[in-house]
Amino acid sequence: MSVLKKRDESKKLEEEEIRKKEELERQFDRTKELSNLGGRVVDFDKDDDVKRSQHYEWLIPIYYKQTEKNDAEVNVMYLEARTTTVKRTLLPNTDCLEFGEVPVAFRKTQEILVKNVGSLEETLRLEPLTPFGSFSVLNAMRTIKPGETKAIVVQFEPIA
């Protein structure tokens, strides 16, 4: 068999796999599968991209045995968990800051750029960092208007 025929067959197989995956995705019933896993989804404001949110409820079985008994039976209890998803409006330019090797008592500073891709102003907030840690944020958190990008300056200074 020639090299060209092998490539054609390989390409046809690849295209067939792609078609199969697309068909599986079209036939996927999210609500049914979520229900099979013990979950339920509620959509709010489906037609409004700004206000839209999805709320998930899960009933998670937790199996356990009592350790004091040698022949203890398996017990089950259920944990209810709720999650919410909303459209992302703030996008960072990086997923990870790499400071590399920094000697003790030296410092290295890096910047994260955050862009507001939403249609409303977003105010950045910062939870306090541990006062005994090596990381600090050097600039104030600001409000970011739609389409605007702001920098967050992070400093790493190893203390030991």
Protein backbone atom coordinates (compact mmCIF):
# COMPACT_ATOMS: atom_id res chain seq x y z
CA MET A 1 0.00 0.00 0.00
CA SER A 2 1.37 3.39 -0.92
CA VAL A 3 2.14 6.15 1.55
CA LEU A 4 -0.55 8.37 0.01
CA LYS A 5 -3.23 5.67 0.41
CA LYS A 6 -2.25 5.18 4.06
CA ARG A 7 -2.51 8.92 4.66
CA ASP A 8 -5.93 9.05 2.96
CA GLU A 9 -7.21 6.14 5.05
CA SER A 10 -5.79 7.66 8.21
CA LYS A 11 -7.43 10.99 7.40
CA LYS A 12 -10.78 9.28 6.69
CA LEU A 13 -10.60 7.41 10.01
CA GLU A 14 -9.79 10.64 11.83
CA GLU A 15 -12.71 12.45 10.16
CA GLU A 16 -15.03 9.55 11.04
CA GLU A 17 -13.93 9.74 14.70
CA ILE A 18 -14.62 13.48 14.72
CA ARG A 19 -18.10 12.89 13.25
CA LYS A 20 -18.83 10.22 15.87
CA LYS A 21 -17.78 12.54 18.71
CA GLU A 22 -19.89 15.39 17.33
CA GLU A 23 -22.90 13.08 17.06
CA LEU A 24 -22.41 11.90 20.66
CA GLU A 25 -22.28 15.53 21.81
CA ARG A 26 -25.49 16.35 19.89
CA GLN A 27 -27.30 13.39 21.49
CA PHE A 28 -25.99 14.08 25.02
CA ASP A 29 -28.83 14.76 27.45
CA ARG A 30 -27.23 16.87 30.17
CA THR A 31 -30.30 16.94 32.41
CA LYS A 32 -30.74 13.16 32.28
CA GLU A 33 -27.05 12.45 32.93
CA LEU A 34 -26.94 14.96 35.78
CA SER A 35 -30.01 13.31 37.26
CA ASN A 36 -28.33 9.88 36.96
CA LEU A 37 -25.42 11.26 39.01
CA GLY A 38 -27.79 12.55 41.67
CA GLY A 39 -27.80 16.16 40.52
CA ARG A 40 -30.25 18.78 39.34
CA VAL A 41 -29.67 22.02 37.45
CA VAL A 42 -31.72 25.23 37.54
CA ASP A 43 -31.09 27.99 34.98
CA PHE A 44 -31.90 31.60 35.82
CA ASP A 45 -32.14 34.43 33.26
CA LYS A 46 -31.27 32.16 30.30
CA ASP A 47 -31.89 34.93 27.79
CA ASP A 48 -29.78 37.56 29.56
CA ASP A 49 -26.03 37.01 29.15
CA VAL A 50 -25.21 39.46 31.94
CA LYS A 51 -27.52 38.01 34.62
CA ARG A 52 -27.51 34.34 33.55
CA SER A 53 -26.49 31.80 36.18
CA GLN A 54 -26.76 28.06 36.64
CA HIS A 55 -27.35 26.51 40.03
CA TYR A 56 -26.51 22.84 40.60
CA GLU A 57 -27.69 20.66 43.44
CA TRP A 58 -25.94 17.36 44.16
CA LEU A 59 -26.88 14.57 46.54
CA ILE A 60 -23.61 12.75 47.23
CA PRO A 61 -23.67 9.35 48.96
CA ILE A 62 -21.01 8.84 51.62
CA TYR A 63 -20.30 5.26 52.68
CA TYR A 64 -18.64 4.49 56.01
CA LYS A 65 -18.00 1.76 58.57
CA GLN A 66 -17.64 2.09 62.30
CA THR A 67 -14.01 1.35 63.15
CA GLU A 68 -14.77 0.00 66.64
CA LYS A 69 -16.62 -3.02 65.23
CA ASN A 70 -14.71 -5.70 63.32
CA ASP A 71 -17.66 -6.87 61.26
CA ALA A 72 -19.30 -3.48 60.96
CA GLU A 73 -21.86 -3.06 58.26
CA VAL A 74 -21.46 -0.38 55.63
CA ASN A 75 -23.61 2.65 56.41
CA VAL A 76 -24.56 5.42 54.05
CA MET A 77 -25.44 9.05 54.58
CA TYR A 78 -26.02 11.76 52.00
CA LEU A 79 -24.36 15.12 51.65
CA GLU A 80 -26.16 17.84 49.74
CA ALA A 81 -23.86 20.19 47.84
CA ARG A 82 -24.88 23.27 45.86
CA THR A 83 -22.79 25.09 43.30
CA THR A 84 -23.34 28.13 41.10
CA THR A 85 -21.74 29.06 37.80
CA VAL A 86 -21.82 32.44 36.13
CA LYS A 87 -20.28 33.83 32.98
CA ARG A 88 -16.65 34.82 33.46
CA THR A 89 -16.11 38.58 33.21
CA LEU A 90 -12.52 39.04 34.41
CA LEU A 91 -9.76 37.35 32.42
CA PRO A 92 -6.12 37.23 33.56
CA ASN A 93 -3.32 37.19 31.01
CA THR A 94 -1.72 34.19 32.74
CA ASP A 95 -2.75 31.14 34.75
CA CYS A 96 0.47 30.94 36.74
CA LEU A 97 3.23 33.21 38.00
CA GLU A 98 6.70 31.63 37.92
CA PHE A 99 9.14 33.44 40.21
CA GLY A 100 11.96 30.92 39.72
CA GLU A 101 14.72 30.73 42.31
CA VAL A 102 14.88 33.80 44.54
CA PRO A 103 17.51 33.98 47.31
CA VAL A 104 16.42 34.80 50.87
CA ALA A 105 16.20 38.57 51.50
CA PHE A 106 15.91 39.31 47.76
CA ARG A 107 12.64 40.07 46.07
CA LYS A 108 11.12 39.54 42.66
CA THR A 109 8.07 41.33 41.30
CA GLN A 110 5.67 40.20 38.58
CA GLU A 111 2.52 41.63 37.08
CA ILE A 112 -0.83 40.02 36.24
CA LEU A 113 -2.99 41.88 33.74
CA VAL A 114 -6.73 41.48 34.30
CA LYS A 115 -9.18 42.45 31.55
CA ASN A 116 -12.90 43.08 32.04
CA VAL A 117 -14.64 41.30 29.14
CA GLY A 118 -18.09 41.82 30.65
CA SER A 119 -20.55 44.64 30.22
CA LEU A 120 -20.54 45.93 33.81
CA GLU A 121 -17.87 47.50 36.02
CA GLU A 122 -16.11 44.99 38.27
CA THR A 123 -14.39 45.92 41.52
CA LEU A 124 -11.32 43.88 42.41
CA ARG A 125 -11.09 42.77 46.04
CA LEU A 126 -8.25 41.12 47.89
CA GLU A 127 -8.47 38.82 50.88
CA PRO A 128 -5.72 39.62 53.39
CA LEU A 129 -2.57 37.58 52.90
CA THR A 130 -0.79 36.08 55.87
CA PRO A 131 1.54 38.71 57.40
CA PHE A 132 4.25 36.05 57.82
CA GLY A 133 4.19 34.90 54.20
CA SER A 134 6.54 35.59 51.34
CA PHE A 135 3.97 37.01 48.91
CA SER A 136 2.45 40.48 48.82
CA VAL A 137 0.32 42.54 46.46
CA LEU A 138 1.85 45.97 45.99
CA ASN A 139 -0.92 47.99 44.38
CA ALA A 140 -4.46 48.88 45.42
CA MET A 141 -7.40 46.95 44.02
CA ARG A 142 -9.41 49.13 41.65
CA THR A 143 -12.63 49.09 39.67
CA ILE A 144 -12.24 47.88 36.09
CA LYS A 145 -14.61 49.29 33.47
CA PRO A 146 -15.82 47.08 30.59
CA GLY A 147 -13.04 46.59 28.03
CA GLU A 148 -10.42 47.98 30.40
CA THR A 149 -7.30 46.17 31.66
CA LYS A 150 -5.65 46.70 35.06
CA ALA A 151 -2.42 45.33 36.49
CA ILE A 152 -1.99 43.50 39.79
CA VAL A 153 1.61 43.65 41.01
CA VAL A 154 2.70 40.61 43.04
CA GLN A 155 5.97 40.47 44.97
CA PHE A 156 7.77 37.39 46.22
CA GLU A 157 10.38 37.81 48.98
CA PRO A 158 11.46 34.59 50.68
CA ILE A 159 11.90 35.02 54.42
CA ALA A 160 13.64 31.75 55.22
